PDB file of N, CA and C in Angstrom:
ATOM      1  N   MET A   1       8.026  27.681  46.848  1.00  0.00           N
ATOM      2  CA  MET A   1       8.031  29.254  47.188  1.00  0.00           C
ATOM      3  C   MET A   1       6.494  29.492  47.881  1.00  0.00           C
ATOM      4  N   LYS A   2       6.277  30.038  49.017  1.00  0.00           N
ATOM      5  CA  LYS A   2       5.157  30.281  49.603  1.00  0.00           C
ATOM      6  C   LYS A   2       4.591  31.444  48.613  1.00  0.00           C
ATOM      7  N   ASN A   3       3.162  31.294  48.482  1.00  0.00           N
ATOM      8  CA  ASN A   3       2.343  32.350  47.635  1.00  0.00           C
ATOM      9  C   ASN A   3       1.609  32.962  48.735  1.00  0.00           C
ATOM     10  N   ILE A   4       1.918  34.097  49.011  1.00  0.00           N
ATOM     11  CA  ILE A   4       1.076  34.849  49.988  1.00  0.00           C
ATOM     12  C   ILE A   4       0.425  35.931  49.842  1.00  0.00           C
ATOM     13  N   MET A   5      -1.138  36.272  49.950  1.00  0.00           N
ATOM     14  CA  MET A   5      -1.995  37.034  49.918  1.00  0.00           C
ATOM     15  C   MET A   5      -2.314  38.052  51.217  1.00  0.00           C
ATOM     16  N   VAL A   6      -1.752  39.217  51.131  1.00  0.00           N
ATOM     17  CA  VAL A   6      -2.393  40.183  52.690  1.00  0.00           C
ATOM     18  C   VAL A   6      -3.805  40.647  51.768  1.00  0.00           C
ATOM     19  N   ILE A   7      -4.544  40.713  52.423  1.00  0.00           N
ATOM     20  CA  ILE A   7      -6.076  41.148  52.353  1.00  0.00           C
ATOM     21  C   ILE A   7      -6.370  42.212  53.368  1.00  0.00           C
ATOM     22  N   CYS A   8      -6.915  43.482  52.966  1.00  0.00           N
ATOM     23  CA  CYS A   8      -7.493  44.440  53.683  1.00  0.00           C
ATOM     24  C   CYS A   8      -8.751  45.007  53.020  1.00  0.00           C
ATOM     25  N   GLU A   9      -8.966  46.135  53.386  1.00  0.00           N
ATOM     26  CA  GLU A   9     -10.607  46.534  53.016  1.00  0.00           C
ATOM     27  C   GLU A   9     -10.245  46.846  51.475  1.00  0.00           C
ATOM     28  N   THR A  10      -9.270  47.595  51.337  1.00  0.00           N
ATOM     29  CA  THR A  10      -9.402  48.511  50.058  1.00  0.00           C
ATOM     30  C   THR A  10      -8.166  47.628  49.417  1.00  0.00           C
ATOM     31  N   GLY A  11      -7.106  47.202  50.223  1.00  0.00           N
ATOM     32  CA  GLY A  11      -5.839  46.836  49.455  1.00  0.00           C
ATOM     33  C   GLY A  11      -4.583  47.953  49.601  1.00  0.00           C
ATOM     34  N   ILE A  12      -4.683  48.904  49.926  1.00  0.00           N
ATOM     35  CA  ILE A  12      -4.349  50.105  50.043  1.00  0.00           C
ATOM     36  C   ILE A  12      -3.271  49.933  51.214  1.00  0.00           C
ATOM     37  N   THR A  13      -3.751  50.038  52.281  1.00  0.00           N
ATOM     38  CA  THR A  13      -3.379  49.966  53.435  1.00  0.00           C
ATOM     39  C   THR A  13      -2.140  49.201  53.669  1.00  0.00           C
ATOM     40  N   THR A  14      -2.004  48.070  53.100  1.00  0.00           N
ATOM     41  CA  THR A  14      -1.372  46.848  53.663  1.00  0.00           C
ATOM     42  C   THR A  14       0.068  46.953  52.301  1.00  0.00           C
ATOM     43  N   SER A  15      -0.254  48.173  51.310  1.00  0.00           N
ATOM     44  CA  SER A  15       0.915  48.173  50.518  1.00  0.00           C
ATOM     45  C   SER A  15       2.529  48.682  51.363  1.00  0.00           C
ATOM     46  N   LEU A  16       2.326  49.123  52.391  1.00  0.00           N
ATOM     47  CA  LEU A  16       3.881  49.247  53.155  1.00  0.00           C
ATOM     48  C   LEU A  16       3.757  48.324  53.930  1.00  0.00           C
ATOM     49  N   LEU A  17       3.216  47.333  54.461  1.00  0.00           N
ATOM     50  CA  LEU A  17       3.300  45.975  55.272  1.00  0.00           C
ATOM     51  C   LEU A  17       3.865  44.888  54.196  1.00  0.00           C
ATOM     52  N   VAL A  18       3.591  45.156  53.231  1.00  0.00           N
ATOM     53  CA  VAL A  18       3.823  44.099  52.160  1.00  0.00           C
ATOM     54  C   VAL A  18       5.524  44.046  51.606  1.00  0.00           C
ATOM     55  N   THR A  19       5.834  45.757  51.355  1.00  0.00           N
ATOM     56  CA  THR A  19       7.046  45.959  50.978  1.00  0.00           C
ATOM     57  C   THR A  19       7.844  45.586  52.195  1.00  0.00           C
ATOM     58  N   LYS A  20       7.850  45.421  53.406  1.00  0.00           N
ATOM     59  CA  LYS A  20       8.445  45.514  54.705  1.00  0.00           C
ATOM     60  C   LYS A  20       8.115  44.048  54.634  1.00  0.00           C
ATOM     61  N   LEU A  21       7.619  43.228  54.302  1.00  0.00           N
ATOM     62  CA  LEU A  21       7.567  41.463  54.766  1.00  0.00           C
ATOM     63  C   LEU A  21       8.266  41.201  53.349  1.00  0.00           C
ATOM     64  N   LYS A  22       8.502  41.613  52.047  1.00  0.00           N
ATOM     65  CA  LYS A  22       9.328  41.362  51.338  1.00  0.00           C
ATOM     66  C   LYS A  22      10.419  41.641  51.528  1.00  0.00           C
ATOM     67  N   GLU A  23      11.174  42.523  52.059  1.00  0.00           N
ATOM     68  CA  GLU A  23      12.475  42.970  52.621  1.00  0.00           C
ATOM     69  C   GLU A  23      12.812  42.167  53.531  1.00  0.00           C
ATOM     70  N   LEU A  24      12.153  41.689  54.319  1.00  0.00           N
ATOM     71  CA  LEU A  24      12.763  40.733  55.549  1.00  0.00           C
ATOM     72  C   LEU A  24      12.641  39.045  54.564  1.00  0.00           C
ATOM     73  N   ALA A  25      12.086  38.797  53.662  1.00  0.00           N
ATOM     74  CA  ALA A  25      11.601  37.486  53.155  1.00  0.00           C
ATOM     75  C   ALA A  25      13.179  37.639  52.400  1.00  0.00           C
ATOM     76  N   ASP A  26      13.499  38.686  51.516  1.00  0.00           N
ATOM     77  CA  ASP A  26      14.712  38.605  50.922  1.00  0.00           C
ATOM     78  C   ASP A  26      15.970  38.625  52.083  1.00  0.00           C
ATOM     79  N   LYS A  27      16.008  39.385  52.825  1.00  0.00           N
ATOM     80  CA  LYS A  27      16.513  39.559  54.059  1.00  0.00           C
ATOM     81  C   LYS A  27      17.362  38.141  54.583  1.00  0.00           C
ATOM     82  N   GLU A  28      16.034  37.461  54.599  1.00  0.00           N
ATOM     83  CA  GLU A  28      16.217  35.804  55.484  1.00  0.00           C
ATOM     84  C   GLU A  28      16.555  34.768  53.931  1.00  0.00           C
ATOM     85  N   GLU A  29      16.450  35.163  52.876  1.00  0.00           N
ATOM     86  CA  GLU A  29      16.165  34.102  51.966  1.00  0.00           C
ATOM     87  C   GLU A  29      15.610  33.479  51.646  1.00  0.00           C
ATOM     88  N   THR A  30      14.475  33.670  52.250  1.00  0.00           N
ATOM     89  CA  THR A  30      13.108  32.842  52.384  1.00  0.00           C
ATOM     90  C   THR A  30      12.413  33.137  51.124  1.00  0.00           C
ATOM     91  N   SER A  31      12.183  32.109  50.505  1.00  0.00           N
ATOM     92  CA  SER A  31      11.388  32.171  49.135  1.00  0.00           C
ATOM     93  C   SER A  31      10.024  32.282  49.266  1.00  0.00           C
ATOM     94  N   MET A  32       9.588  33.654  48.977  1.00  0.00           N
ATOM     95  CA  MET A  32       7.694  34.130  49.369  1.00  0.00           C
ATOM     96  C   MET A  32       7.510  34.898  48.306  1.00  0.00           C
ATOM     97  N   GLN A  33       6.222  34.759  47.589  1.00  0.00           N
ATOM     98  CA  GLN A  33       5.588  35.656  46.811  1.00  0.00           C
ATOM     99  C   GLN A  33       4.945  36.499  47.808  1.00  0.00           C
ATOM    100  N   ILE A  34       4.732  37.452  48.082  1.00  0.00           N
ATOM    101  CA  ILE A  34       3.950  38.236  48.805  1.00  0.00           C
ATOM    102  C   ILE A  34       2.886  39.681  47.908  1.00  0.00           C
ATOM    103  N   ASN A  35       1.665  39.298  47.771  1.00  0.00           N
ATOM    104  CA  ASN A  35       0.846  40.596  47.236  1.00  0.00           C
ATOM    105  C   ASN A  35      -0.478  40.922  48.183  1.00  0.00           C
ATOM    106  N   SER A  36      -0.669  42.051  47.888  1.00  0.00           N
ATOM    107  CA  SER A  36      -2.200  42.370  48.251  1.00  0.00           C
ATOM    108  C   SER A  36      -3.198  42.744  47.596  1.00  0.00           C
ATOM    109  N   LYS A  37      -4.384  42.712  47.980  1.00  0.00           N
ATOM    110  CA  LYS A  37      -5.609  42.751  47.566  1.00  0.00           C
ATOM    111  C   LYS A  37      -6.645  43.412  48.544  1.00  0.00           C
ATOM    112  N   GLY A  38      -7.731  44.122  47.741  1.00  0.00           N
ATOM    113  CA  GLY A  38      -8.699  44.974  48.764  1.00  0.00           C
ATOM    114  C   GLY A  38      -9.658  43.489  48.781  1.00  0.00           C
ATOM    115  N   THR A  39     -10.718  43.406  49.845  1.00  0.00           N
ATOM    116  CA  THR A  39     -11.610  42.322  50.091  1.00  0.00           C
ATOM    117  C   THR A  39     -12.375  41.772  48.948  1.00  0.00           C
ATOM    118  N   GLU A  40     -13.056  42.100  47.951  1.00  0.00           N
ATOM    119  CA  GLU A  40     -13.429  41.746  46.798  1.00  0.00           C
ATOM    120  C   GLU A  40     -12.736  40.737  46.001  1.00  0.00           C
ATOM    121  N   GLU A  41     -11.715  41.702  45.924  1.00  0.00           N
ATOM    122  CA  GLU A  41     -10.710  41.283  44.697  1.00  0.00           C
ATOM    123  C   GLU A  41     -10.061  40.260  45.155  1.00  0.00           C
ATOM    124  N   GLY A  42      -9.928  40.249  46.471  1.00  0.00           N
ATOM    125  CA  GLY A  42      -8.660  39.158  47.415  1.00  0.00           C
ATOM    126  C   GLY A  42      -9.342  37.949  47.135  1.00  0.00           C
ATOM    127  N   LEU A  43     -10.908  37.563  47.539  1.00  0.00           N
ATOM    128  CA  LEU A  43     -11.691  36.686  47.623  1.00  0.00           C
ATOM    129  C   LEU A  43     -11.803  35.989  45.766  1.00  0.00           C
ATOM    130  N   GLU A  44     -12.025  36.859  45.290  1.00  0.00           N
ATOM    131  CA  GLU A  44     -11.864  36.300  44.078  1.00  0.00           C
ATOM    132  C   GLU A  44     -10.674  35.741  43.565  1.00  0.00           C
ATOM    133  N   TYR A  45      -9.515  36.530  43.915  1.00  0.00           N
ATOM    134  CA  TYR A  45      -8.032  36.125  43.192  1.00  0.00           C
ATOM    135  C   TYR A  45      -7.796  34.442  43.853  1.00  0.00           C
ATOM    136  N   VAL A  46      -8.430  34.356  45.657  1.00  0.00           N
ATOM    137  CA  VAL A  46      -8.072  33.194  46.052  1.00  0.00           C
ATOM    138  C   VAL A  46      -9.017  32.193  45.386  1.00  0.00           C
ATOM    139  N   LYS A  47     -10.004  32.277  44.818  1.00  0.00           N
ATOM    140  CA  LYS A  47     -11.022  31.688  44.341  1.00  0.00           C
ATOM    141  C   LYS A  47     -10.190  30.751  43.160  1.00  0.00           C
ATOM    142  N   GLU A  48      -9.483  31.615  42.256  1.00  0.00           N
ATOM    143  CA  GLU A  48      -9.162  31.283  40.927  1.00  0.00           C
ATOM    144  C   GLU A  48      -7.753  30.633  41.159  1.00  0.00           C
ATOM    145  N   ASN A  49      -7.091  30.987  42.054  1.00  0.00           N
ATOM    146  CA  ASN A  49      -5.315  30.905  42.146  1.00  0.00           C
ATOM    147  C   ASN A  49      -4.959  30.119  43.171  1.00  0.00           C
ATOM    148  N   SER A  50      -3.875  29.661  42.819  1.00  0.00           N
ATOM    149  CA  SER A  50      -3.233  28.664  44.093  1.00  0.00           C
ATOM    150  C   SER A  50      -2.328  29.528  45.195  1.00  0.00           C
ATOM    151  N   VAL A  51      -2.788  29.690  45.936  1.00  0.00           N
ATOM    152  CA  VAL A  51      -2.093  30.502  47.423  1.00  0.00           C
ATOM    153  C   VAL A  51      -1.789  29.658  48.516  1.00  0.00           C
ATOM    154  N   ASP A  52      -0.761  30.210  49.026  1.00  0.00           N
ATOM    155  CA  ASP A  52      -0.650  28.997  50.357  1.00  0.00           C
ATOM    156  C   ASP A  52      -1.253  29.597  51.775  1.00  0.00           C
ATOM    157  N   VAL A  53      -0.824  30.820  51.656  1.00  0.00           N
ATOM    158  CA  VAL A  53      -1.372  31.714  53.029  1.00  0.00           C
ATOM    159  C   VAL A  53      -2.319  32.999  52.809  1.00  0.00           C
ATOM    160  N   VAL A  54      -3.125  33.245  52.926  1.00  0.00           N
ATOM    161  CA  VAL A  54      -3.882  34.609  53.352  1.00  0.00           C
ATOM    162  C   VAL A  54      -3.905  34.884  54.447  1.00  0.00           C
ATOM    163  N   LEU A  55      -3.568  36.164  54.538  1.00  0.00           N
ATOM    164  CA  LEU A  55      -3.178  37.019  55.914  1.00  0.00           C
ATOM    165  C   LEU A  55      -4.548  38.497  55.847  1.00  0.00           C
ATOM    166  N   LEU A  56      -5.238  38.309  56.861  1.00  0.00           N
ATOM    167  CA  LEU A  56      -6.249  39.344  57.002  1.00  0.00           C
ATOM    168  C   LEU A  56      -6.249  40.389  57.797  1.00  0.00           C
ATOM    169  N   GLY A  57      -6.292  41.262  57.435  1.00  0.00           N
ATOM    170  CA  GLY A  57      -6.370  42.463  58.125  1.00  0.00           C
ATOM    171  C   GLY A  57      -7.461  42.717  59.065  1.00  0.00           C
ATOM    172  N   PRO A  58      -7.188  43.373  60.130  1.00  0.00           N
ATOM    173  CA  PRO A  58      -8.010  43.456  61.385  1.00  0.00           C
ATOM    174  C   PRO A  58      -9.435  43.790  60.901  1.00  0.00           C
ATOM    175  N   GLN A  59      -9.335  44.964  59.934  1.00  0.00           N
ATOM    176  CA  GLN A  59     -10.762  45.207  59.781  1.00  0.00           C
ATOM    177  C   GLN A  59     -11.910  44.219  58.976  1.00  0.00           C
ATOM    178  N   ILE A  60     -11.120  43.067  58.247  1.00  0.00           N
ATOM    179  CA  ILE A  60     -12.073  42.186  57.515  1.00  0.00           C
ATOM    180  C   ILE A  60     -11.792  40.870  58.292  1.00  0.00           C
ATOM    181  N   HIS A  61     -11.488  40.584  59.736  1.00  0.00           N
ATOM    182  CA  HIS A  61     -11.506  39.458  60.202  1.00  0.00           C
ATOM    183  C   HIS A  61     -12.594  38.801  60.154  1.00  0.00           C
ATOM    184  N   HIS A  62     -14.081  39.443  60.298  1.00  0.00           N
ATOM    185  CA  HIS A  62     -15.186  38.982  60.092  1.00  0.00           C
ATOM    186  C   HIS A  62     -15.367  37.915  58.721  1.00  0.00           C
ATOM    187  N   LYS A  63     -14.481  37.966  57.868  1.00  0.00           N
ATOM    188  CA  LYS A  63     -14.675  37.532  56.621  1.00  0.00           C
ATOM    189  C   LYS A  63     -14.210  36.335  56.655  1.00  0.00           C
ATOM    190  N   THR A  64     -13.496  35.761  57.903  1.00  0.00           N
ATOM    191  CA  THR A  64     -12.194  34.560  57.771  1.00  0.00           C
ATOM    192  C   THR A  64     -12.966  33.282  57.328  1.00  0.00           C
ATOM    193  N   GLU A  65     -14.249  33.043  57.897  1.00  0.00           N
ATOM    194  CA  GLU A  65     -15.196  31.908  57.348  1.00  0.00           C
ATOM    195  C   GLU A  65     -15.053  31.792  55.985  1.00  0.00           C
ATOM    196  N   GLU A  66     -15.670  33.022  55.087  1.00  0.00           N
ATOM    197  CA  GLU A  66     -16.007  33.289  53.822  1.00  0.00           C
ATOM    198  C   GLU A  66     -14.496  32.865  53.115  1.00  0.00           C
ATOM    199  N   TYR A  67     -13.375  33.198  53.652  1.00  0.00           N
ATOM    200  CA  TYR A  67     -12.255  32.927  52.843  1.00  0.00           C
ATOM    201  C   TYR A  67     -11.578  31.838  53.367  1.00  0.00           C
ATOM    202  N   GLN A  68     -11.834  31.246  53.975  1.00  0.00           N
ATOM    203  CA  GLN A  68     -11.605  29.633  54.408  1.00  0.00           C
ATOM    204  C   GLN A  68     -12.359  28.797  53.814  1.00  0.00           C
ATOM    205  N   ALA A  69     -13.446  29.233  53.231  1.00  0.00           N
ATOM    206  CA  ALA A  69     -14.699  28.350  52.485  1.00  0.00           C
ATOM    207  C   ALA A  69     -14.369  28.591  51.079  1.00  0.00           C
ATOM    208  N   SER A  70     -13.337  29.354  50.477  1.00  0.00           N
ATOM    209  CA  SER A  70     -13.357  29.789  49.236  1.00  0.00           C
ATOM    210  C   SER A  70     -11.828  29.318  48.848  1.00  0.00           C
ATOM    211  N   THR A  71     -11.154  28.701  49.596  1.00  0.00           N
ATOM    212  CA  THR A  71      -9.441  28.079  49.688  1.00  0.00           C
ATOM    213  C   THR A  71      -9.149  27.356  50.256  1.00  0.00           C
ATOM    214  N   ASP A  72      -8.006  26.806  49.537  1.00  0.00           N
ATOM    215  CA  ASP A  72      -7.473  25.461  50.283  1.00  0.00           C
ATOM    216  C   ASP A  72      -6.210  26.173  51.344  1.00  0.00           C
ATOM    217  N   ALA A  73      -5.790  27.584  50.866  1.00  0.00           N
ATOM    218  CA  ALA A  73      -4.737  28.328  51.975  1.00  0.00           C
ATOM    219  C   ALA A  73      -5.186  28.175  53.009  1.00  0.00           C
ATOM    220  N   GLU A  74      -3.923  28.587  54.245  1.00  0.00           N
ATOM    221  CA  GLU A  74      -4.006  28.588  55.509  1.00  0.00           C
ATOM    222  C   GLU A  74      -4.432  30.211  55.575  1.00  0.00           C
ATOM    223  N   VAL A  75      -5.556  30.288  56.349  1.00  0.00           N
ATOM    224  CA  VAL A  75      -6.228  31.455  56.518  1.00  0.00           C
ATOM    225  C   VAL A  75      -5.784  32.335  58.112  1.00  0.00           C
ATOM    226  N   LEU A  76      -4.901  33.310  57.917  1.00  0.00           N
ATOM    227  CA  LEU A  76      -4.544  33.813  59.237  1.00  0.00           C
ATOM    228  C   LEU A  76      -5.093  35.252  59.402  1.00  0.00           C
ATOM    229  N   LYS A  77      -5.144  35.416  60.417  1.00  0.00           N
ATOM    230  CA  LYS A  77      -5.550  36.935  61.391  1.00  0.00           C
ATOM    231  C   LYS A  77      -4.158  37.560  61.430  1.00  0.00           C
ATOM    232  N   ILE A  78      -4.147  38.945  61.036  1.00  0.00           N
ATOM    233  CA  ILE A  78      -3.271  39.805  61.473  1.00  0.00           C
ATOM    234  C   ILE A  78      -3.679  40.425  62.695  1.00  0.00           C
ATOM    235  N   SER A  79      -3.351  40.509  63.932  1.00  0.00           N
ATOM    236  CA  SER A  79      -3.613  40.933  65.183  1.00  0.00           C
ATOM    237  C   SER A  79      -3.976  42.816  64.944  1.00  0.00           C
ATOM    238  N   VAL A  80      -4.687  43.406  65.486  1.00  0.00           N
ATOM    239  CA  VAL A  80      -4.807  44.561  65.875  1.00  0.00           C
ATOM    240  C   VAL A  80      -3.568  45.239  66.060  1.00  0.00           C
ATOM    241  N   ASN A  81      -3.064  45.052  67.222  1.00  0.00           N
ATOM    242  CA  ASN A  81      -1.700  45.301  67.409  1.00  0.00           C
ATOM    243  C   ASN A  81      -0.806  45.320  66.413  1.00  0.00           C
ATOM    244  N   ASP A  82      -0.348  44.477  65.953  1.00  0.00           N
ATOM    245  CA  ASP A  82       0.782  44.046  65.047  1.00  0.00           C
ATOM    246  C   ASP A  82       0.151  45.007  63.679  1.00  0.00           C
ATOM    247  N   TYR A  83      -0.837  45.014  63.178  1.00  0.00           N
ATOM    248  CA  TYR A  83      -1.329  45.934  61.982  1.00  0.00           C
ATOM    249  C   TYR A  83      -1.111  47.643  62.551  1.00  0.00           C
ATOM    250  N   ASN A  84      -1.638  47.756  63.426  1.00  0.00           N
ATOM    251  CA  ASN A  84      -1.813  49.216  63.968  1.00  0.00           C
ATOM    252  C   ASN A  84       0.024  49.861  64.082  1.00  0.00           C
ATOM    253  N   ASN A  85       0.783  49.131  64.265  1.00  0.00           N
ATOM    254  CA  ASN A  85       1.935  49.484  64.549  1.00  0.00           C
ATOM    255  C   ASN A  85       2.643  49.025  63.466  1.00  0.00           C
ATOM    256  N   MET A  86       2.245  48.369  62.248  1.00  0.00           N
ATOM    257  CA  MET A  86       2.798  47.600  61.270  1.00  0.00           C
ATOM    258  C   MET A  86       4.586  46.994  61.598  1.00  0.00           C
ATOM    259  N   ASN A  87       3.977  45.704  62.762  1.00  0.00           N
ATOM    260  CA  ASN A  87       5.044  44.846  63.265  1.00  0.00           C
ATOM    261  C   ASN A  87       5.250  43.959  62.600  1.00  0.00           C
ATOM    262  N   ALA A  88       5.804  44.485  61.205  1.00  0.00           N
ATOM    263  CA  ALA A  88       6.354  43.247  60.196  1.00  0.00           C
ATOM    264  C   ALA A  88       7.088  42.068  60.619  1.00  0.00           C
ATOM    265  N   TYR A  89       7.810  42.093  61.627  1.00  0.00           N
ATOM    266  CA  TYR A  89       8.779  41.158  62.041  1.00  0.00           C
ATOM    267  C   TYR A  89       7.825  40.383  62.592  1.00  0.00           C
ATOM    268  N   SER A  90       6.895  40.826  63.442  1.00  0.00           N
ATOM    269  CA  SER A  90       5.967  39.482  63.917  1.00  0.00           C
ATOM    270  C   SER A  90       5.064  38.827  63.105  1.00  0.00           C
ATOM    271  N   ILE A  91       4.373  39.322  61.959  1.00  0.00           N
ATOM    272  CA  ILE A  91       3.597  39.191  60.923  1.00  0.00           C
ATOM    273  C   ILE A  91       4.415  37.988  60.476  1.00  0.00           C
ATOM    274  N   PHE A  92       5.707  38.272  59.721  1.00  0.00           N
ATOM    275  CA  PHE A  92       7.010  37.733  58.946  1.00  0.00           C
ATOM    276  C   PHE A  92       6.963  36.592  59.698  1.00  0.00           C
ATOM    277  N   GLU A  93       7.214  36.308  61.176  1.00  0.00           N
ATOM    278  CA  GLU A  93       6.930  34.927  61.954  1.00  0.00           C
ATOM    279  C   GLU A  93       6.102  34.183  61.706  1.00  0.00           C
ATOM    280  N   GLN A  94       5.109  34.867  62.103  1.00  0.00           N
ATOM    281  CA  GLN A  94       3.696  34.212  61.718  1.00  0.00           C
ATOM    282  C   GLN A  94       3.518  33.652  59.890  1.00  0.00           C
ATOM    283  N   LEU A  95       4.403  34.009  59.197  1.00  0.00           N
ATOM    284  CA  LEU A  95       3.962  33.650  58.053  1.00  0.00           C
ATOM    285  C   LEU A  95       5.124  32.559  57.855  1.00  0.00           C
ATOM    286  N   LYS A  96       6.043  32.474  58.276  1.00  0.00           N
ATOM    287  CA  LYS A  96       7.244  31.673  58.233  1.00  0.00           C
ATOM    288  C   LYS A  96       6.676  30.341  59.134  1.00  0.00           C
ATOM    289  N   ASP A  97       5.590  30.664  60.226  1.00  0.00           N
ATOM    290  CA  ASP A  97       5.260  29.278  60.793  1.00  0.00           C
ATOM    291  C   ASP A  97       4.059  28.368  59.919  1.00  0.00           C
ATOM    292  N   ALA A  98       3.395  29.128  59.157  1.00  0.00           N
ATOM    293  CA  ALA A  98       2.646  28.689  58.220  1.00  0.00           C
ATOM    294  C   ALA A  98       2.603  27.544  57.743  1.00  0.00           C
ATOM    295  N   SER A  99       2.070  27.096  57.636  1.00  0.00           N
ATOM    296  CA  SER A  99       2.175  25.664  56.936  1.00  0.00           C
ATOM    297  C   SER A  99       1.902  25.797  55.197  1.00  0.00           C
ATOM    298  N   SER A 100       2.450  24.853  54.494  1.00  0.00           N
ATOM    299  CA  SER A 100       2.534  25.496  52.990  1.00  0.00           C
ATOM    300  C   SER A 100       2.323  24.214  52.446  1.00  0.00           C
TER     301      SER A 100
END
């Protein structure tokens, strides 16, 4: 099972995205655990827990290197377009392609 953490500034705006991603994972019968957290809480979480993929919202792309240095997980950026349009399909494809 891929353990995925979606991170945005406060963790609130990603809740709808996480819901959509979970629905897609269930529909495709893909084994993924998907959760969201705010920037600082997420950073602490990935330091202390096993995570396979970290998805960063556009507002925190500047923290990519900090996250990469804090975890062995693959750190991916959600594009501004996908995030603004809540394009869960495109983001889900990005997750499926990510290494575990």
